[in-house]
Amino acid sequence: MELLGLDEIRDLLGGISKQRATIIVGRKGFPDPLATLSMGRVWDGKAVRAWIAKNRPSPTDEDTPG
C-alpha cells in the first residue's frame, strides 16, 4: 500500500502550493484520509492517483471546495 501525505499530493498535482493542496484535499469527492498522524493526514495513494487521473485540477480551477 502506498501512503501519501500532503507534500506528496502537492508533487503529484504539479508542485502546487500547500494552501492550494489543502483546499483540493478538502473538496467533496476527494478521497478521505486513512488516518491523521502527528505529522498530518495520510491518504491511500491508489485512491488519490485515481482521483487525480479523473479530475486533474488545473491552476485555473476555482479555489473553492465543492
N, C-alpha and C. Protein backbone atom coordinates (compact mmCIF):
# COMPACT_ATOMS: atom_id res chain seq x y z
N MET A 1 0.85 -1.19 0.00
CA MET A 1 0.00 0.00 0.00
C MET A 1 0.89 1.24 0.00
N GLU A 2 0.54 2.17 -0.85
CA GLU A 2 1.25 3.44 -0.93
C GLU A 2 0.50 4.47 -0.09
N LEU A 3 1.20 5.09 0.84
CA LEU A 3 0.62 6.16 1.65
C LEU A 3 1.17 7.49 1.18
N LEU A 4 0.32 8.48 1.13
CA LEU A 4 0.72 9.82 0.71
C LEU A 4 0.34 10.85 1.76
N GLY A 5 1.25 11.78 1.99
CA GLY A 5 0.97 12.95 2.80
C GLY A 5 0.68 14.13 1.88
N LEU A 6 0.41 15.26 2.46
CA LEU A 6 0.07 16.45 1.67
C LEU A 6 1.21 16.83 0.73
N ASP A 7 2.46 16.71 1.16
CA ASP A 7 3.58 17.08 0.29
C ASP A 7 3.65 16.20 -0.94
N GLU A 8 3.39 14.91 -0.79
CA GLU A 8 3.40 14.01 -1.94
C GLU A 8 2.24 14.33 -2.89
N ILE A 9 1.10 14.67 -2.33
CA ILE A 9 -0.05 15.05 -3.16
C ILE A 9 0.26 16.34 -3.90
N ARG A 10 0.90 17.27 -3.24
CA ARG A 10 1.31 18.52 -3.90
C ARG A 10 2.18 18.21 -5.11
N ASP A 11 3.14 17.31 -4.94
CA ASP A 11 4.03 16.94 -6.04
C ASP A 11 3.25 16.31 -7.19
N LEU A 12 2.32 15.41 -6.87
CA LEU A 12 1.52 14.76 -7.91
C LEU A 12 0.67 15.76 -8.68
N LEU A 13 0.31 16.85 -8.04
CA LEU A 13 -0.50 17.88 -8.68
C LEU A 13 0.35 18.97 -9.32
N GLY A 14 1.63 18.69 -9.51
CA GLY A 14 2.50 19.62 -10.23
C GLY A 14 3.22 20.62 -9.37
N GLY A 15 3.38 20.33 -8.09
CA GLY A 15 4.13 21.24 -7.22
C GLY A 15 3.33 22.46 -6.80
N ILE A 16 2.03 22.28 -6.65
CA ILE A 16 1.18 23.40 -6.25
C ILE A 16 1.49 23.81 -4.81
N SER A 17 0.98 24.96 -4.41
CA SER A 17 1.24 25.47 -3.07
C SER A 17 0.54 24.60 -2.01
N LYS A 18 1.05 24.69 -0.79
CA LYS A 18 0.45 23.95 0.31
C LYS A 18 -0.99 24.41 0.54
N GLN A 19 -1.21 25.72 0.42
CA GLN A 19 -2.55 26.27 0.61
C GLN A 19 -3.53 25.70 -0.43
N ARG A 20 -3.12 25.68 -1.68
CA ARG A 20 -4.00 25.16 -2.74
C ARG A 20 -4.25 23.66 -2.55
N ALA A 21 -3.21 22.91 -2.18
CA ALA A 21 -3.37 21.47 -1.94
C ALA A 21 -4.35 21.22 -0.80
N THR A 22 -4.28 22.03 0.23
CA THR A 22 -5.19 21.88 1.37
C THR A 22 -6.63 22.11 0.92
N ILE A 23 -6.84 23.05 0.04
CA ILE A 23 -8.18 23.31 -0.50
C ILE A 23 -8.66 22.10 -1.30
N ILE A 24 -7.79 21.57 -2.15
CA ILE A 24 -8.17 20.45 -3.01
C ILE A 24 -8.50 19.20 -2.19
N VAL A 25 -7.67 18.87 -1.20
CA VAL A 25 -7.94 17.65 -0.42
C VAL A 25 -9.19 17.81 0.46
N GLY A 26 -9.65 19.04 0.65
CA GLY A 26 -10.87 19.27 1.41
C GLY A 26 -12.13 19.27 0.57
N ARG A 27 -11.97 19.15 -0.73
CA ARG A 27 -13.13 19.17 -1.63
C ARG A 27 -13.97 17.92 -1.48
N LYS A 28 -15.26 18.10 -1.69
CA LYS A 28 -16.19 16.97 -1.73
C LYS A 28 -15.75 16.07 -2.88
N GLY A 29 -15.68 14.78 -2.59
CA GLY A 29 -15.29 13.83 -3.62
C GLY A 29 -13.83 13.42 -3.57
N PHE A 30 -12.98 14.24 -2.91
CA PHE A 30 -11.58 13.83 -2.77
C PHE A 30 -11.54 12.69 -1.75
N PRO A 31 -10.68 11.69 -1.98
CA PRO A 31 -10.64 10.56 -1.04
C PRO A 31 -10.42 11.01 0.40
N ASP A 32 -11.11 10.36 1.32
CA ASP A 32 -10.92 10.65 2.74
C ASP A 32 -9.55 10.15 3.18
N PRO A 33 -8.91 10.85 4.10
CA PRO A 33 -7.63 10.35 4.62
C PRO A 33 -7.85 9.03 5.38
N LEU A 34 -6.85 8.18 5.32
CA LEU A 34 -6.91 6.92 6.06
C LEU A 34 -6.71 7.14 7.54
N ALA A 35 -5.87 8.12 7.88
CA ALA A 35 -5.55 8.40 9.28
C ALA A 35 -5.01 9.82 9.39
N THR A 36 -5.06 10.33 10.62
CA THR A 36 -4.42 11.60 10.93
C THR A 36 -3.35 11.31 11.98
N LEU A 37 -2.11 11.55 11.60
CA LEU A 37 -0.96 11.32 12.48
C LEU A 37 -0.45 12.66 12.99
N SER A 38 0.53 12.63 13.85
CA SER A 38 1.08 13.90 14.35
C SER A 38 1.69 14.72 13.22
N MET A 39 2.15 14.06 12.15
CA MET A 39 2.72 14.78 11.01
C MET A 39 1.66 15.30 10.06
N GLY A 40 0.42 14.83 10.24
CA GLY A 40 -0.67 15.26 9.38
C GLY A 40 -1.47 14.09 8.86
N ARG A 41 -2.32 14.37 7.90
CA ARG A 41 -3.19 13.34 7.33
C ARG A 41 -2.42 12.49 6.32
N VAL A 42 -2.86 11.24 6.17
CA VAL A 42 -2.29 10.35 5.16
C VAL A 42 -3.43 9.72 4.35
N TRP A 43 -3.19 9.58 3.07
CA TRP A 43 -4.18 9.06 2.13
C TRP A 43 -3.66 7.81 1.44
N ASP A 44 -4.59 7.01 0.93
CA ASP A 44 -4.27 5.86 0.10
C ASP A 44 -3.82 6.38 -1.27
N GLY A 45 -2.57 6.07 -1.62
CA GLY A 45 -2.01 6.56 -2.87
C GLY A 45 -2.80 6.15 -4.10
N LYS A 46 -3.29 4.92 -4.12
CA LYS A 46 -4.06 4.44 -5.26
C LYS A 46 -5.33 5.26 -5.45
N ALA A 47 -6.03 5.55 -4.37
CA ALA A 47 -7.26 6.34 -4.44
C ALA A 47 -6.97 7.77 -4.88
N VAL A 48 -5.88 8.36 -4.37
CA VAL A 48 -5.53 9.74 -4.75
C VAL A 48 -5.14 9.80 -6.22
N ARG A 49 -4.32 8.84 -6.67
CA ARG A 49 -3.92 8.82 -8.09
C ARG A 49 -5.13 8.65 -9.00
N ALA A 50 -6.08 7.82 -8.61
CA ALA A 50 -7.30 7.64 -9.40
C ALA A 50 -8.10 8.94 -9.46
N TRP A 51 -8.20 9.64 -8.32
CA TRP A 51 -8.92 10.91 -8.28
C TRP A 51 -8.26 11.93 -9.20
N ILE A 52 -6.92 12.01 -9.13
CA ILE A 52 -6.19 12.96 -9.97
C ILE A 52 -6.39 12.63 -11.44
N ALA A 53 -6.31 11.35 -11.80
CA ALA A 53 -6.50 10.95 -13.19
C ALA A 53 -7.88 11.34 -13.71
N LYS A 54 -8.88 11.26 -12.84
CA LYS A 54 -10.24 11.58 -13.24
C LYS A 54 -10.51 13.09 -13.24
N ASN A 55 -9.96 13.80 -12.27
CA ASN A 55 -10.32 15.22 -12.07
C ASN A 55 -9.26 16.22 -12.50
N ARG A 56 -8.01 15.89 -12.36
CA ARG A 56 -6.88 16.75 -12.74
C ARG A 56 -7.16 18.24 -12.56
N PRO A 57 -7.23 18.70 -11.33
CA PRO A 57 -7.45 20.14 -11.15
C PRO A 57 -6.31 20.94 -11.76
N SER A 58 -6.66 21.96 -12.48
CA SER A 58 -5.64 22.80 -13.12
C SER A 58 -5.47 24.09 -12.33
N PRO A 59 -4.37 24.79 -12.55
CA PRO A 59 -4.13 26.05 -11.82
C PRO A 59 -5.23 27.09 -12.02
N THR A 60 -6.04 26.94 -13.07
CA THR A 60 -7.09 27.92 -13.32
C THR A 60 -8.41 27.53 -12.67
N ASP A 61 -8.46 26.34 -12.07
CA ASP A 61 -9.70 25.95 -11.38
C ASP A 61 -10.00 26.89 -10.23
N GLU A 62 -11.26 27.03 -9.93
CA GLU A 62 -11.68 27.86 -8.81
C GLU A 62 -11.18 27.25 -7.50
N ASP A 63 -10.68 28.06 -6.60
CA ASP A 63 -10.12 27.58 -5.33
C ASP A 63 -11.15 27.46 -4.25
N THR A 64 -12.30 26.99 -4.57
CA THR A 64 -13.32 26.82 -3.55
C THR A 64 -13.67 25.34 -3.44
N PRO A 65 -13.86 24.85 -2.22
CA PRO A 65 -14.25 23.45 -2.08
C PRO A 65 -15.60 23.21 -2.74
N GLY A 66 -15.79 22.02 -3.28
CA GLY A 66 -17.07 21.76 -3.87
C GLY A 66 -17.03 20.56 -4.66
